[in-house]
């Protein structure tokens, strides 16, 4: 009896497909909600094919975290486009907050051990942190100097802290404490006139 030879499956861009599938799984159920084998199955390939692109689930989650950071950078760029001064700083912080409210599981993954502290540009778009740094620098008396590290630390801690409270379900995006925290914190960053 002759058995039919199994045809091998060729995926156009399996790595990207696996990342996209994992991103959706993280959105729906969190980073714990699937395995690399399940992602491979959903992509219609063997787990062996998936392991050619990712050594383990951690590597796949790191790729998803990088995608989440890119989504945040895009959101930040869109939010700050055409703005200057305090408005840019506020919009940059709100981009973190809006992203955490809209994508809490992706936000948590992006800023977990799987995320990267790489603050470079992706697809020509500066990271959200780089955009926040630019907003802080723009408010300095001499915007030609590097961002004041204390002012930048305060801006990031406030934006990220509020976003974390929202992604963890402690606060809602429209909580009055959000506006109060931004207003009081950023008062110390923006020069008083």
N, C-alpha and C. Protein backbone atom coordinates (compact mmCIF):
# COMPACT_ATOMS: atom_id res chain seq x y z
N UNK A 1 0.83 -1.17 0.00
CA UNK A 1 0.00 0.00 0.00
C UNK A 1 0.88 1.24 0.00
N UNK A 2 0.56 2.10 -0.87
CA UNK A 2 1.35 3.31 -1.00
C UNK A 2 0.67 4.44 -0.21
N UNK A 3 1.44 5.13 0.64
CA UNK A 3 0.87 6.25 1.41
C UNK A 3 1.15 7.55 0.69
N UNK A 4 0.20 8.41 0.82
CA UNK A 4 0.36 9.73 0.19
C UNK A 4 1.43 10.52 0.92
N UNK A 5 2.26 11.14 0.16
CA UNK A 5 3.31 11.96 0.75
C UNK A 5 2.70 13.26 1.26
N UNK A 6 2.96 13.58 2.52
CA UNK A 6 2.41 14.80 3.10
C UNK A 6 3.10 16.01 2.48
N UNK A 7 2.28 16.93 2.03
CA UNK A 7 2.84 18.14 1.44
C UNK A 7 3.31 19.06 2.55
N UNK A 8 4.44 19.67 2.34
CA UNK A 8 4.93 20.61 3.35
C UNK A 8 4.22 21.93 3.16
N UNK A 9 3.99 22.58 4.27
CA UNK A 9 3.28 23.85 4.26
C UNK A 9 4.30 24.98 4.22
N UNK A 10 4.12 25.90 3.32
CA UNK A 10 5.02 27.04 3.23
C UNK A 10 4.24 28.30 3.53
N UNK A 11 4.68 28.99 4.52
CA UNK A 11 4.01 30.22 4.94
C UNK A 11 4.80 31.39 4.39
N UNK A 12 4.11 32.39 3.88
CA UNK A 12 4.79 33.54 3.30
C UNK A 12 5.73 34.24 4.26
N UNK A 13 5.26 34.55 5.44
CA UNK A 13 6.08 35.20 6.46
C UNK A 13 5.63 34.67 7.81
N UNK A 14 6.10 33.49 8.13
CA UNK A 14 5.65 32.80 9.34
C UNK A 14 5.98 33.60 10.60
N UNK A 15 7.14 34.20 10.65
CA UNK A 15 7.52 34.96 11.85
C UNK A 15 6.48 36.04 12.12
N UNK A 16 6.15 36.83 11.12
CA UNK A 16 5.16 37.90 11.30
C UNK A 16 3.79 37.35 11.65
N UNK A 17 3.42 36.23 11.03
CA UNK A 17 2.13 35.61 11.32
C UNK A 17 2.06 35.15 12.77
N UNK A 18 3.13 34.56 13.26
CA UNK A 18 3.17 34.11 14.65
C UNK A 18 3.08 35.29 15.61
N UNK A 19 3.78 36.37 15.30
CA UNK A 19 3.73 37.56 16.15
C UNK A 19 2.31 38.14 16.15
N UNK A 20 1.69 38.21 14.98
CA UNK A 20 0.33 38.75 14.89
C UNK A 20 -0.66 37.88 15.68
N UNK A 21 -0.53 36.57 15.56
CA UNK A 21 -1.40 35.67 16.30
C UNK A 21 -1.18 35.81 17.80
N UNK A 22 0.07 35.87 18.22
CA UNK A 22 0.38 36.01 19.64
C UNK A 22 -0.10 37.36 20.17
N UNK A 23 0.03 38.40 19.37
CA UNK A 23 -0.44 39.72 19.78
C UNK A 23 -1.95 39.67 20.06
N UNK A 24 -2.70 39.02 19.20
CA UNK A 24 -4.14 38.90 19.42
C UNK A 24 -4.45 38.06 20.65
N UNK A 25 -3.67 37.00 20.86
CA UNK A 25 -3.86 36.17 22.05
C UNK A 25 -3.59 36.97 23.32
N UNK A 26 -2.52 37.78 23.31
CA UNK A 26 -2.20 38.60 24.48
C UNK A 26 -3.31 39.62 24.70
N UNK A 27 -3.78 40.25 23.63
CA UNK A 27 -4.89 41.22 23.76
C UNK A 27 -6.10 40.59 24.44
N UNK A 28 -6.43 39.38 24.04
CA UNK A 28 -7.65 38.75 24.54
C UNK A 28 -7.50 38.12 25.92
N UNK A 29 -6.36 37.52 26.18
CA UNK A 29 -6.24 36.78 27.43
C UNK A 29 -4.98 36.97 28.22
N UNK A 30 -4.07 37.79 27.73
CA UNK A 30 -2.83 38.00 28.45
C UNK A 30 -1.73 37.08 27.95
N UNK A 31 -0.52 37.34 28.42
CA UNK A 31 0.66 36.61 27.96
C UNK A 31 0.64 35.14 28.36
N UNK A 32 -0.12 34.81 29.37
CA UNK A 32 -0.17 33.42 29.84
C UNK A 32 -1.17 32.57 29.07
N UNK A 33 -1.93 33.18 28.16
CA UNK A 33 -3.10 32.53 27.59
C UNK A 33 -2.83 31.57 26.43
N UNK A 34 -1.58 31.32 26.09
CA UNK A 34 -1.29 30.44 24.95
C UNK A 34 0.13 29.92 25.05
N UNK A 35 0.42 28.95 24.19
CA UNK A 35 1.78 28.43 24.10
C UNK A 35 2.30 28.65 22.68
N UNK A 36 3.56 28.47 22.48
CA UNK A 36 4.14 28.60 21.14
C UNK A 36 3.55 27.53 20.22
N UNK A 37 3.31 26.35 20.76
CA UNK A 37 2.68 25.29 19.97
C UNK A 37 1.29 25.70 19.50
N UNK A 38 0.52 26.34 20.37
CA UNK A 38 -0.83 26.80 19.98
C UNK A 38 -0.75 27.88 18.90
N UNK A 39 0.22 28.76 19.03
CA UNK A 39 0.39 29.80 18.01
C UNK A 39 0.74 29.16 16.67
N UNK A 40 1.59 28.14 16.70
CA UNK A 40 1.95 27.43 15.47
C UNK A 40 0.72 26.76 14.86
N UNK A 41 -0.05 26.10 15.71
CA UNK A 41 -1.27 25.45 15.23
C UNK A 41 -2.22 26.46 14.60
N UNK A 42 -2.40 27.60 15.26
CA UNK A 42 -3.28 28.65 14.72
C UNK A 42 -2.77 29.20 13.39
N UNK A 43 -1.45 29.17 13.21
CA UNK A 43 -0.86 29.64 11.96
C UNK A 43 -0.91 28.56 10.88
N UNK A 44 -1.30 27.35 11.28
CA UNK A 44 -1.40 26.27 10.31
C UNK A 44 -0.08 25.60 9.99
N UNK A 45 0.85 25.66 10.96
CA UNK A 45 2.15 25.04 10.75
C UNK A 45 2.48 24.14 11.93
N UNK A 46 3.50 23.35 11.77
CA UNK A 46 3.94 22.49 12.87
C UNK A 46 4.68 23.33 13.91
N UNK A 47 4.76 22.79 15.10
CA UNK A 47 5.51 23.51 16.13
C UNK A 47 6.98 23.61 15.74
N UNK A 48 7.48 22.62 15.02
CA UNK A 48 8.86 22.67 14.55
C UNK A 48 9.12 23.87 13.67
N UNK A 49 8.15 24.22 12.82
CA UNK A 49 8.30 25.40 11.96
C UNK A 49 8.36 26.67 12.81
N UNK A 50 7.54 26.72 13.84
CA UNK A 50 7.54 27.89 14.72
C UNK A 50 8.87 28.02 15.47
N UNK A 51 9.41 26.88 15.89
CA UNK A 51 10.67 26.90 16.63
C UNK A 51 11.85 27.33 15.76
N UNK A 52 11.68 27.35 14.47
CA UNK A 52 12.74 27.86 13.59
C UNK A 52 12.84 29.38 13.70
N UNK A 53 11.77 30.01 14.14
CA UNK A 53 11.74 31.48 14.27
C UNK A 53 11.89 31.95 15.71
N UNK A 54 11.42 31.14 16.64
CA UNK A 54 11.48 31.50 18.07
C UNK A 54 11.92 30.29 18.86
N UNK A 55 12.94 30.45 19.66
CA UNK A 55 13.46 29.34 20.45
C UNK A 55 12.45 28.87 21.49
N UNK A 56 11.63 29.82 21.97
CA UNK A 56 10.63 29.49 22.98
C UNK A 56 9.58 30.59 23.03
N UNK A 57 8.61 30.41 23.89
CA UNK A 57 7.52 31.37 24.01
C UNK A 57 8.05 32.74 24.46
N UNK A 58 9.06 32.75 25.29
CA UNK A 58 9.63 34.02 25.75
C UNK A 58 10.12 34.87 24.58
N UNK A 59 10.76 34.25 23.61
CA UNK A 59 11.22 35.00 22.44
C UNK A 59 10.03 35.55 21.65
N UNK A 60 8.98 34.77 21.55
CA UNK A 60 7.78 35.24 20.85
C UNK A 60 7.15 36.40 21.62
N UNK A 61 7.09 36.30 22.93
CA UNK A 61 6.53 37.39 23.73
C UNK A 61 7.39 38.64 23.64
N UNK A 62 8.70 38.49 23.53
CA UNK A 62 9.57 39.65 23.34
C UNK A 62 9.26 40.34 22.02
N UNK A 63 8.98 39.56 20.98
CA UNK A 63 8.61 40.14 19.69
C UNK A 63 7.26 40.85 19.77
N UNK A 64 6.32 40.29 20.52
CA UNK A 64 5.01 40.93 20.71
C UNK A 64 5.18 42.22 21.52
N UNK A 65 6.03 42.18 22.54
CA UNK A 65 6.29 43.39 23.33
C UNK A 65 6.87 44.49 22.45
N UNK A 66 7.76 44.14 21.53
CA UNK A 66 8.33 45.12 20.60
C UNK A 66 7.23 45.71 19.72
N UNK A 67 6.29 44.88 19.28
CA UNK A 67 5.16 45.37 18.49
C UNK A 67 4.29 46.31 19.32
N UNK A 68 4.07 45.95 20.58
CA UNK A 68 3.27 46.81 21.46
C UNK A 68 3.94 48.17 21.65
N UNK A 69 5.26 48.17 21.82
CA UNK A 69 5.98 49.44 21.96
C UNK A 69 5.90 50.26 20.68
N UNK A 70 5.91 49.59 19.53
CA UNK A 70 5.76 50.30 18.26
C UNK A 70 4.36 50.90 18.14
N UNK A 71 3.34 50.16 18.57
CA UNK A 71 1.98 50.69 18.56
C UNK A 71 1.87 51.92 19.46
N UNK A 72 2.50 51.86 20.62
CA UNK A 72 2.51 53.00 21.53
C UNK A 72 3.22 54.19 20.89
N UNK A 73 4.33 53.95 20.22
CA UNK A 73 5.07 55.04 19.55
C UNK A 73 4.21 55.68 18.47
N UNK A 74 3.51 54.87 17.70
CA UNK A 74 2.62 55.41 16.66
C UNK A 74 1.52 56.27 17.29
N UNK A 75 0.94 55.76 18.37
CA UNK A 75 -0.12 56.50 19.07
C UNK A 75 0.41 57.82 19.60
N UNK A 76 1.62 57.79 20.15
CA UNK A 76 2.23 59.01 20.69
C UNK A 76 2.50 60.02 19.59
N UNK A 77 3.02 59.55 18.47
CA UNK A 77 3.30 60.46 17.36
C UNK A 77 2.02 61.11 16.85
N UNK A 78 0.99 60.33 16.72
CA UNK A 78 -0.29 60.86 16.24
C UNK A 78 -0.85 61.88 17.24
N UNK A 79 -0.75 61.57 18.52
CA UNK A 79 -1.29 62.45 19.56
C UNK A 79 -0.55 63.78 19.67
N UNK A 80 0.75 63.76 19.39
CA UNK A 80 1.56 64.97 19.59
C UNK A 80 1.80 65.77 18.32
N UNK A 81 1.38 65.23 17.20
CA UNK A 81 1.63 65.89 15.91
C UNK A 81 1.09 67.32 15.90
N UNK A 82 1.99 68.24 15.58
CA UNK A 82 1.62 69.66 15.47
C UNK A 82 1.52 70.40 16.78
N UNK A 83 1.76 69.73 17.90
CA UNK A 83 1.65 70.39 19.21
C UNK A 83 3.02 70.86 19.69
N UNK A 84 3.01 71.83 20.56
CA UNK A 84 4.24 72.36 21.14
C UNK A 84 4.01 72.62 22.62
N UNK A 85 5.12 72.75 23.33
CA UNK A 85 5.08 73.14 24.73
C UNK A 85 4.30 72.20 25.62
N UNK A 86 3.54 72.81 26.56
CA UNK A 86 2.78 72.02 27.53
C UNK A 86 1.78 71.08 26.85
N UNK A 87 1.23 71.53 25.72
CA UNK A 87 0.26 70.69 25.02
C UNK A 87 0.93 69.41 24.50
N UNK A 88 2.15 69.53 24.01
CA UNK A 88 2.87 68.34 23.54
C UNK A 88 3.18 67.41 24.71
N UNK A 89 3.63 67.95 25.81
CA UNK A 89 3.94 67.13 26.98
C UNK A 89 2.68 66.40 27.46
N UNK A 90 1.58 67.12 27.56
CA UNK A 90 0.33 66.52 28.01
C UNK A 90 -0.12 65.43 27.04
N UNK A 91 -0.06 65.70 25.74
CA UNK A 91 -0.48 64.72 24.74
C UNK A 91 0.42 63.50 24.76
N UNK A 92 1.71 63.70 24.99
CA UNK A 92 2.65 62.58 25.06
C UNK A 92 2.31 61.68 26.25
N UNK A 93 2.03 62.29 27.40
CA UNK A 93 1.64 61.52 28.58
C UNK A 93 0.31 60.82 28.35
N UNK A 94 -0.62 61.52 27.73
CA UNK A 94 -1.94 60.93 27.47
C UNK A 94 -1.85 59.76 26.49
N UNK A 95 -0.85 59.76 25.61
CA UNK A 95 -0.68 58.63 24.70
C UNK A 95 -0.40 57.36 25.49
N UNK A 96 0.46 57.45 26.53
CA UNK A 96 0.71 56.31 27.41
C UNK A 96 -0.60 55.88 28.07
N UNK A 97 -1.31 56.86 28.60
CA UNK A 97 -2.53 56.59 29.36
C UNK A 97 -3.61 55.98 28.45
N UNK A 98 -3.79 56.57 27.28
CA UNK A 98 -4.78 56.04 26.33
C UNK A 98 -4.44 54.62 25.89
N UNK A 99 -3.15 54.38 25.64
CA UNK A 99 -2.73 53.04 25.23
C UNK A 99 -3.01 52.03 26.33
N UNK A 100 -2.70 52.38 27.56
CA UNK A 100 -2.94 51.47 28.69
C UNK A 100 -4.43 51.21 28.87
N UNK A 101 -5.25 52.22 28.63
CA UNK A 101 -6.70 52.04 28.76
C UNK A 101 -7.24 51.16 27.64
N UNK A 102 -6.74 51.35 26.42
CA UNK A 102 -7.24 50.61 25.26
C UNK A 102 -6.63 49.22 25.16
N UNK A 103 -5.39 49.06 25.57
CA UNK A 103 -4.65 47.81 25.41
C UNK A 103 -3.95 47.41 26.71
N UNK A 104 -4.69 47.19 27.79
CA UNK A 104 -4.04 46.95 29.08
C UNK A 104 -3.07 45.77 29.10
N UNK A 105 -3.42 44.70 28.43
CA UNK A 105 -2.54 43.53 28.44
C UNK A 105 -1.28 43.76 27.61
N UNK A 106 -1.43 44.45 26.49
CA UNK A 106 -0.25 44.78 25.68
C UNK A 106 0.64 45.76 26.43
N UNK A 107 0.03 46.73 27.11
CA UNK A 107 0.81 47.70 27.88
C UNK A 107 1.63 46.97 28.94
N UNK A 108 1.00 46.07 29.68
CA UNK A 108 1.73 45.34 30.73
C UNK A 108 2.86 44.50 30.14
N UNK A 109 2.60 43.86 28.99
CA UNK A 109 3.65 43.05 28.36
C UNK A 109 4.80 43.93 27.89
N UNK A 110 4.47 45.08 27.28
CA UNK A 110 5.50 45.97 26.74
C UNK A 110 6.46 46.44 27.84
N UNK A 111 5.93 46.62 29.04
CA UNK A 111 6.76 47.13 30.13
C UNK A 111 7.05 46.05 31.17
N UNK A 112 7.11 44.81 30.69
CA UNK A 112 7.48 43.69 31.55
C UNK A 112 8.91 43.28 31.20
N UNK A 113 9.33 42.16 31.69
CA UNK A 113 10.67 41.66 31.38
C UNK A 113 10.84 41.35 29.90
N UNK A 114 9.74 41.26 29.16
CA UNK A 114 9.81 40.96 27.74
C UNK A 114 10.03 42.22 26.90
N UNK A 115 9.73 43.37 27.48
CA UNK A 115 9.91 44.62 26.75
C UNK A 115 11.37 44.97 26.62
N UNK A 116 11.62 46.02 25.89
CA UNK A 116 12.99 46.45 25.65
C UNK A 116 13.13 47.88 26.12
N UNK A 117 14.30 48.22 26.60
CA UNK A 117 14.55 49.61 26.95
C UNK A 117 15.17 50.36 25.77
N UNK A 118 15.10 49.75 24.60
CA UNK A 118 15.61 50.38 23.38
C UNK A 118 14.76 51.61 23.06
N UNK A 119 15.37 52.75 23.04
CA UNK A 119 14.63 54.00 22.83
C UNK A 119 14.86 54.56 21.43
N UNK A 120 15.23 53.70 20.52
CA UNK A 120 15.51 54.14 19.16
C UNK A 120 14.23 54.20 18.33
N UNK A 121 14.40 54.65 17.10
CA UNK A 121 13.27 54.75 16.19
C UNK A 121 12.94 53.38 15.61
N UNK A 122 11.67 53.16 15.40
CA UNK A 122 11.18 51.97 14.70
C UNK A 122 10.34 52.49 13.55
N UNK A 123 10.62 52.06 12.36
CA UNK A 123 9.88 52.52 11.18
C UNK A 123 9.92 54.04 11.05
N UNK A 124 11.02 54.65 11.47
CA UNK A 124 11.16 56.10 11.38
C UNK A 124 10.43 56.87 12.45
N UNK A 125 9.81 56.17 13.39
CA UNK A 125 9.05 56.84 14.46
C UNK A 125 9.82 56.66 15.77
N UNK A 126 10.13 57.77 16.45
CA UNK A 126 10.82 57.64 17.74
C UNK A 126 9.95 56.90 18.75
N UNK A 127 10.56 56.22 19.68
CA UNK A 127 9.81 55.53 20.73
C UNK A 127 8.97 56.55 21.50
N UNK A 128 7.96 56.07 22.18
CA UNK A 128 7.11 56.95 22.98
C UNK A 128 7.94 57.67 24.04
N UNK A 129 8.92 56.97 24.60
CA UNK A 129 9.78 57.60 25.60
C UNK A 129 10.61 58.72 24.97
N UNK A 130 11.13 58.49 23.78
CA UNK A 130 11.91 59.53 23.09
C UNK A 130 11.02 60.74 22.79
N UNK A 131 9.78 60.49 22.45
CA UNK A 131 8.85 61.59 22.20
C UNK A 131 8.54 62.36 23.48
N UNK A 132 8.42 61.66 24.59
CA UNK A 132 8.22 62.31 25.88
C UNK A 132 9.45 63.14 26.24
N UNK A 133 10.63 62.58 25.99
CA UNK A 133 11.88 63.31 26.25
C UNK A 133 11.94 64.59 25.42
N UNK A 134 11.54 64.51 24.17
CA UNK A 134 11.52 65.69 23.30
C UNK A 134 10.58 66.75 23.86
N UNK A 135 9.41 66.33 24.34
CA UNK A 135 8.44 67.28 24.91
C UNK A 135 9.01 67.97 26.14
N UNK A 136 9.71 67.21 26.98
CA UNK A 136 10.33 67.80 28.18
C UNK A 136 11.43 68.77 27.77
N UNK A 137 12.25 68.38 26.82
CA UNK A 137 13.35 69.23 26.35
C UNK A 137 12.81 70.54 25.79
N UNK A 138 11.73 70.46 25.06
CA UNK A 138 11.14 71.64 24.43
C UNK A 138 10.69 72.68 25.46
N UNK A 139 10.37 72.24 26.67
CA UNK A 139 9.89 73.15 27.71
C UNK A 139 11.02 73.80 28.51
N UNK A 140 12.23 73.31 28.33
CA UNK A 140 13.35 73.86 29.08
C UNK A 140 13.68 75.28 28.62
N UNK A 141 14.34 76.01 29.49
CA UNK A 141 14.77 77.35 29.15
C UNK A 141 15.67 77.33 27.93
N UNK A 142 16.56 76.33 27.86
CA UNK A 142 17.43 76.15 26.70
C UNK A 142 17.12 74.79 26.07
N UNK A 143 16.21 74.76 25.09
CA UNK A 143 15.84 73.49 24.49
C UNK A 143 16.97 72.82 23.70
N UNK A 144 18.08 73.52 23.52
CA UNK A 144 19.22 72.93 22.82
C UNK A 144 20.00 71.97 23.69
N UNK A 145 19.79 72.03 24.99
CA UNK A 145 20.48 71.12 25.92
C UNK A 145 19.70 69.82 26.04
N UNK A 146 20.38 68.76 26.46
CA UNK A 146 19.66 67.49 26.68
C UNK A 146 18.58 67.67 27.74
N UNK A 147 17.61 66.80 27.71
CA UNK A 147 16.51 66.88 28.68
C UNK A 147 17.04 66.80 30.10
N UNK A 148 16.49 67.64 30.94
CA UNK A 148 16.81 67.60 32.36
C UNK A 148 16.42 66.22 32.88
N UNK A 149 17.38 65.44 33.39
CA UNK A 149 17.06 64.07 33.80
C UNK A 149 16.00 64.01 34.90
N UNK A 150 15.98 64.99 35.80
CA UNK A 150 14.98 64.98 36.87
C UNK A 150 13.59 65.25 36.31
N UNK A 151 13.48 66.22 35.41
CA UNK A 151 12.19 66.54 34.80
C UNK A 151 11.70 65.36 33.96
N UNK A 152 12.61 64.73 33.23
CA UNK A 152 12.23 63.59 32.41
C UNK A 152 11.79 62.42 33.28
N UNK A 153 12.50 62.18 34.37
CA UNK A 153 12.13 61.10 35.29
C UNK A 153 10.73 61.35 35.86
N UNK A 154 10.45 62.59 36.24
CA UNK A 154 9.14 62.93 36.77
C UNK A 154 8.05 62.72 35.72
N UNK A 155 8.27 63.22 34.52
CA UNK A 155 7.27 63.09 33.45
C UNK A 155 6.98 61.63 33.15
N UNK A 156 8.04 60.82 33.04
CA UNK A 156 7.84 59.42 32.70
C UNK A 156 7.19 58.66 33.85
N UNK A 157 7.64 58.94 35.08
CA UNK A 157 7.06 58.25 36.23
C UNK A 157 5.57 58.55 36.35
N UNK A 158 5.19 59.78 36.12
CA UNK A 158 3.78 60.15 36.22
C UNK A 158 2.98 59.50 35.10
N UNK A 159 3.44 59.67 33.86
CA UNK A 159 2.71 59.09 32.72
C UNK A 159 2.62 57.57 32.84
N UNK A 160 3.75 56.95 33.13
CA UNK A 160 3.77 55.49 33.22
C UNK A 160 3.01 55.01 34.46
N UNK A 161 3.14 55.73 35.54
CA UNK A 161 2.43 55.34 36.77
C UNK A 161 0.92 55.38 36.59
N UNK A 162 0.43 56.45 36.00
CA UNK A 162 -1.01 56.54 35.75
C UNK A 162 -1.44 55.43 34.79
N UNK A 163 -0.66 55.24 33.73
CA UNK A 163 -0.98 54.19 32.75
C UNK A 163 -1.01 52.81 33.42
N UNK A 164 -0.08 52.57 34.32
CA UNK A 164 -0.04 51.29 35.03
C UNK A 164 -1.26 51.12 35.93
N UNK A 165 -1.64 52.19 36.62
CA UNK A 165 -2.83 52.11 37.47
C UNK A 165 -4.08 51.79 36.64
N UNK A 166 -4.12 52.35 35.44
CA UNK A 166 -5.25 52.10 34.56
C UNK A 166 -5.20 50.67 34.00
N UNK A 167 -4.03 50.25 33.53
CA UNK A 167 -3.93 48.90 32.96
C UNK A 167 -4.19 47.83 34.01
N UNK A 168 -3.91 48.12 35.26
CA UNK A 168 -4.15 47.17 36.34
C UNK A 168 -5.58 47.26 36.89
N UNK A 169 -6.38 48.18 36.34
CA UNK A 169 -7.77 48.30 36.75
C UNK A 169 -8.01 49.10 38.02
N UNK A 170 -6.97 49.77 38.51
CA UNK A 170 -7.13 50.56 39.74
C UNK A 170 -7.83 51.89 39.48
N UNK A 171 -7.51 52.51 38.35
CA UNK A 171 -8.13 53.77 37.95
C UNK A 171 -8.77 53.59 36.59
N UNK A 172 -9.68 54.48 36.25
CA UNK A 172 -10.24 54.57 34.91
C UNK A 172 -9.59 55.76 34.23
N UNK A 173 -9.60 55.76 32.91
CA UNK A 173 -8.96 56.84 32.15
C UNK A 173 -9.56 58.20 32.50
N UNK A 174 -10.84 58.25 32.76
CA UNK A 174 -11.49 59.52 33.06
C UNK A 174 -11.54 59.85 34.55
N UNK A 175 -10.79 59.13 35.36
CA UNK A 175 -10.71 59.39 36.79
C UNK A 175 -10.16 60.79 37.01
N UNK A 176 -10.78 61.61 37.86
CA UNK A 176 -10.28 62.98 38.08
C UNK A 176 -8.84 63.02 38.60
N UNK A 177 -8.39 61.93 39.21
CA UNK A 177 -7.02 61.89 39.72
C UNK A 177 -6.00 61.92 38.59
N UNK A 178 -6.40 61.45 37.39
CA UNK A 178 -5.50 61.48 36.24
C UNK A 178 -5.15 62.92 35.90
N UNK A 179 -6.16 63.74 35.70
CA UNK A 179 -5.94 65.15 35.36
C UNK A 179 -5.18 65.86 36.47
N UNK A 180 -5.53 65.57 37.72
CA UNK A 180 -4.86 66.23 38.85
C UNK A 180 -3.38 65.85 38.90
N UNK A 181 -3.08 64.57 38.73
CA UNK A 181 -1.69 64.13 38.78
C UNK A 181 -0.88 64.76 37.65
N UNK A 182 -1.44 64.80 36.46
CA UNK A 182 -0.72 65.42 35.33
C UNK A 182 -0.51 66.91 35.58
N UNK A 183 -1.55 67.57 36.00
CA UNK A 183 -1.47 69.03 36.21
C UNK A 183 -0.42 69.36 37.28
N UNK A 184 -0.50 68.71 38.41
CA UNK A 184 0.43 69.02 39.51
C UNK A 184 1.86 68.62 39.18
N UNK A 185 2.05 67.50 38.53
CA UNK A 185 3.40 67.04 38.21
C UNK A 185 4.04 67.92 37.15
N UNK A 186 3.27 68.20 36.11
CA UNK A 186 3.84 68.93 34.98
C UNK A 186 4.03 70.40 35.29
N UNK A 187 3.42 70.87 36.37
CA UNK A 187 3.64 72.25 36.80
C UNK A 187 5.12 72.43 37.15
N UNK A 188 5.71 71.40 37.70
CA UNK A 188 7.13 71.46 38.07
C UNK A 188 8.07 71.30 36.89
N UNK A 189 7.56 70.81 35.77
CA UNK A 189 8.41 70.61 34.60
C UNK A 189 8.40 71.84 33.71
N UNK A 190 7.23 72.38 33.50
CA UNK A 190 7.09 73.54 32.62
C UNK A 190 7.56 74.80 33.35
N UNK A 191 8.36 75.63 32.69
CA UNK A 191 8.81 76.85 33.35
C UNK A 191 7.62 77.74 33.69
N UNK A 192 7.68 78.33 34.84
CA UNK A 192 6.61 79.24 35.30
C UNK A 192 6.82 80.60 34.65
N UNK A 193 5.75 81.16 34.15
CA UNK A 193 5.84 82.47 33.49
C UNK A 193 5.21 83.51 34.34
